[in-house]
Amino acid sequence: MQAVRKAFATSALIVLGGLSLSACATTDYVDEHIAAVNARIDALEAQVRQNTEAAQAANAAAQAAASQAQNANQRIDALTGRVDSLEQRMMSKSPRH
């Protein structure tokens, strides 16, 4: 009876050992999957870098447009004063008949 128990325990240990070893991932398997994930990360980083550069370019263009608009408004304000002055001079002169 003890020999049967010993044989059963040994068999059980061998089966459990085999099952536990079969669940382990090999180094090559892990390296392969890490390489795939790293490739995806690199692609995403490149895309983020590209989007950041595009956003910076758009921001610079918007700032340039805002500066041009401000300059145009200043010129319009200067001309408005001159036009008002000319209108007042014209209104103050009597019409010729």
C-alpha atoms as a PDB file:
ATOM      1  CA  MET A   1       0.000   0.000   0.000  1.00  0.00           C
ATOM      2  CA  GLN A   2       2.823   2.349   0.826  1.00  0.00           C
ATOM      3  CA  ALA A   3       4.498   1.602  -2.494  1.00  0.00           C
ATOM      4  CA  VAL A   4       1.291   2.511  -4.307  1.00  0.00           C
ATOM      5  CA  ARG A   5       1.084   5.761  -2.379  1.00  0.00           C
ATOM      6  CA  LYS A   6       4.671   6.562  -3.185  1.00  0.00           C
ATOM      7  CA  ALA A   7       4.137   5.800  -6.879  1.00  0.00           C
ATOM      8  CA  PHE A   8       0.964   7.870  -6.908  1.00  0.00           C
ATOM      9  CA  ALA A   9       2.694  10.820  -5.196  1.00  0.00           C
ATOM     10  CA  THR A  10       5.591  10.604  -7.633  1.00  0.00           C
ATOM     11  CA  SER A  11       3.234  10.465 -10.594  1.00  0.00           C
ATOM     12  CA  ALA A  12       1.253  13.391  -9.245  1.00  0.00           C
ATOM     13  CA  LEU A  13       4.410  15.448  -8.802  1.00  0.00           C
ATOM     14  CA  ILE A  14       5.564  14.655 -12.328  1.00  0.00           C
ATOM     15  CA  VAL A  15       2.168  15.606 -13.788  1.00  0.00           C
ATOM     16  CA  LEU A  16       1.984  18.840 -11.748  1.00  0.00           C
ATOM     17  CA  GLY A  17       5.560  19.700 -12.674  1.00  0.00           C
ATOM     18  CA  GLY A  18       4.819  19.146 -16.357  1.00  0.00           C
ATOM     19  CA  LEU A  19       1.690  21.274 -16.192  1.00  0.00           C
ATOM     20  CA  SER A  20       3.451  24.100 -14.399  1.00  0.00           C
ATOM     21  CA  LEU A  21       6.296  24.134 -16.908  1.00  0.00           C
ATOM     22  CA  SER A  22       3.982  24.205 -19.884  1.00  0.00           C
ATOM     23  CA  ALA A  23       2.540  27.566 -18.788  1.00  0.00           C
ATOM     24  CA  CYS A  24       5.895  29.360 -18.842  1.00  0.00           C
ATOM     25  CA  ALA A  25       6.644  31.658 -21.747  1.00  0.00           C
ATOM     26  CA  THR A  26       9.930  31.283 -23.524  1.00  0.00           C
ATOM     27  CA  THR A  27      12.361  34.155 -23.804  1.00  0.00           C
ATOM     28  CA  ASP A  28      11.958  34.233 -27.573  1.00  0.00           C
ATOM     29  CA  TYR A  29       8.166  34.457 -27.253  1.00  0.00           C
ATOM     30  CA  VAL A  30       8.421  37.353 -24.796  1.00  0.00           C
ATOM     31  CA  ASP A  31      11.075  39.129 -26.875  1.00  0.00           C
ATOM     32  CA  GLU A  32       8.928  38.780 -29.994  1.00  0.00           C
ATOM     33  CA  HIS A  33       5.895  40.312 -28.317  1.00  0.00           C
ATOM     34  CA  ILE A  34       7.918  43.072 -26.672  1.00  0.00           C
ATOM     35  CA  ALA A  35       9.415  43.941 -30.067  1.00  0.00           C
ATOM     36  CA  ALA A  36       5.907  44.177 -31.564  1.00  0.00           C
ATOM     37  CA  VAL A  37       4.731  46.443 -28.746  1.00  0.00           C
ATOM     38  CA  ASN A  38       7.870  48.581 -29.047  1.00  0.00           C
ATOM     39  CA  ALA A  39       7.263  48.975 -32.792  1.00  0.00           C
ATOM     40  CA  ARG A  40       3.723  50.203 -32.090  1.00  0.00           C
ATOM     41  CA  ILE A  41       5.015  52.599 -29.441  1.00  0.00           C
ATOM     42  CA  ASP A  42       7.633  53.962 -31.859  1.00  0.00           C
ATOM     43  CA  ALA A  43       4.961  54.517 -34.515  1.00  0.00           C
ATOM     44  CA  LEU A  44       2.735  56.339 -32.028  1.00  0.00           C
ATOM     45  CA  GLU A  45       5.632  58.481 -30.806  1.00  0.00           C
ATOM     46  CA  ALA A  46       6.413  59.473 -34.405  1.00  0.00           C
ATOM     47  CA  GLN A  47       2.773  60.377 -34.979  1.00  0.00           C
ATOM     48  CA  VAL A  48       2.653  62.442 -31.771  1.00  0.00           C
ATOM     49  CA  ARG A  49       5.860  64.224 -32.795  1.00  0.00           C
ATOM     50  CA  GLN A  50       4.382  64.967 -36.231  1.00  0.00           C
ATOM     51  CA  ASN A  51       1.132  66.253 -34.716  1.00  0.00           C
ATOM     52  CA  THR A  52       3.059  68.436 -32.272  1.00  0.00           C
ATOM     53  CA  GLU A  53       5.101  69.967 -35.083  1.00  0.00           C
ATOM     54  CA  ALA A  54       1.945  70.608 -37.113  1.00  0.00           C
ATOM     55  CA  ALA A  55       0.276  72.233 -34.107  1.00  0.00           C
ATOM     56  CA  GLN A  56       3.302  74.466 -33.544  1.00  0.00           C
ATOM     57  CA  ALA A  57       3.300  75.511 -37.208  1.00  0.00           C
ATOM     58  CA  ALA A  58      -0.436  76.262 -37.049  1.00  0.00           C
ATOM     59  CA  ASN A  59       0.098  78.262 -33.860  1.00  0.00           C
ATOM     60  CA  ALA A  60       2.872  80.295 -35.489  1.00  0.00           C
ATOM     61  CA  ALA A  61       0.651  80.967 -38.524  1.00  0.00           C
ATOM     62  CA  ALA A  62      -2.209  82.050 -36.261  1.00  0.00           C
ATOM     63  CA  GLN A  63       0.065  84.420 -34.353  1.00  0.00           C
ATOM     64  CA  ALA A  64       1.333  85.917 -37.612  1.00  0.00           C
ATOM     65  CA  ALA A  65      -2.251  86.404 -38.833  1.00  0.00           C
ATOM     66  CA  ALA A  66      -3.222  88.025 -35.525  1.00  0.00           C
ATOM     67  CA  SER A  67      -0.253  90.395 -35.819  1.00  0.00           C
ATOM     68  CA  GLN A  68      -1.211  91.325 -39.382  1.00  0.00           C
ATOM     69  CA  ALA A  69      -4.809  91.918 -38.314  1.00  0.00           C
ATOM     70  CA  GLN A  70      -3.662  94.150 -35.471  1.00  0.00           C
ATOM     71  CA  ASN A  71      -1.477  96.170 -37.858  1.00  0.00           C
ATOM     72  CA  ALA A  72      -4.400  96.511 -40.281  1.00  0.00           C
ATOM     73  CA  ASN A  73      -6.666  97.701 -37.457  1.00  0.00           C
ATOM     74  CA  GLN A  74      -4.110 100.319 -36.434  1.00  0.00           C
ATOM     75  CA  ARG A  75      -3.898 101.582 -40.008  1.00  0.00           C
ATOM     76  CA  ILE A  76      -7.709 101.712 -40.239  1.00  0.00           C
ATOM     77  CA  ASP A  77      -7.863 103.657 -36.969  1.00  0.00           C
ATOM     78  CA  ALA A  78      -5.334 106.162 -38.316  1.00  0.00           C
ATOM     79  CA  LEU A  79      -7.293 106.563 -41.569  1.00  0.00           C
ATOM     80  CA  THR A  80     -10.582 106.929 -39.708  1.00  0.00           C
ATOM     81  CA  GLY A  81      -9.261 110.014 -37.959  1.00  0.00           C
ATOM     82  CA  ARG A  82      -8.177 111.540 -41.253  1.00  0.00           C
ATOM     83  CA  VAL A  83     -11.535 110.770 -42.908  1.00  0.00           C
ATOM     84  CA  ASP A  84     -13.411 112.307 -39.963  1.00  0.00           C
ATOM     85  CA  SER A  85     -11.267 115.423 -40.236  1.00  0.00           C
ATOM     86  CA  LEU A  86     -11.950 115.733 -43.980  1.00  0.00           C
ATOM     87  CA  GLU A  87     -15.687 115.258 -43.444  1.00  0.00           C
ATOM     88  CA  GLN A  88     -15.756 117.995 -40.842  1.00  0.00           C
ATOM     89  CA  ARG A  89     -13.903 120.366 -43.160  1.00  0.00           C
ATOM     90  CA  MET A  90     -16.312 119.624 -45.980  1.00  0.00           C
ATOM     91  CA  MET A  91     -19.335 120.153 -43.773  1.00  0.00           C
ATOM     92  CA  SER A  92     -18.048 123.469 -42.467  1.00  0.00           C
ATOM     93  CA  LYS A  93     -17.625 124.946 -45.963  1.00  0.00           C
ATOM     94  CA  SER A  94     -20.694 126.389 -47.475  1.00  0.00           C
ATOM     95  CA  PRO A  95     -21.879 124.901 -50.732  1.00  0.00           C
ATOM     96  CA  ARG A  96     -21.181 126.985 -53.839  1.00  0.00           C
ATOM     97  CA  HIS A  97     -24.127 128.037 -55.969  1.00  0.00           C
END
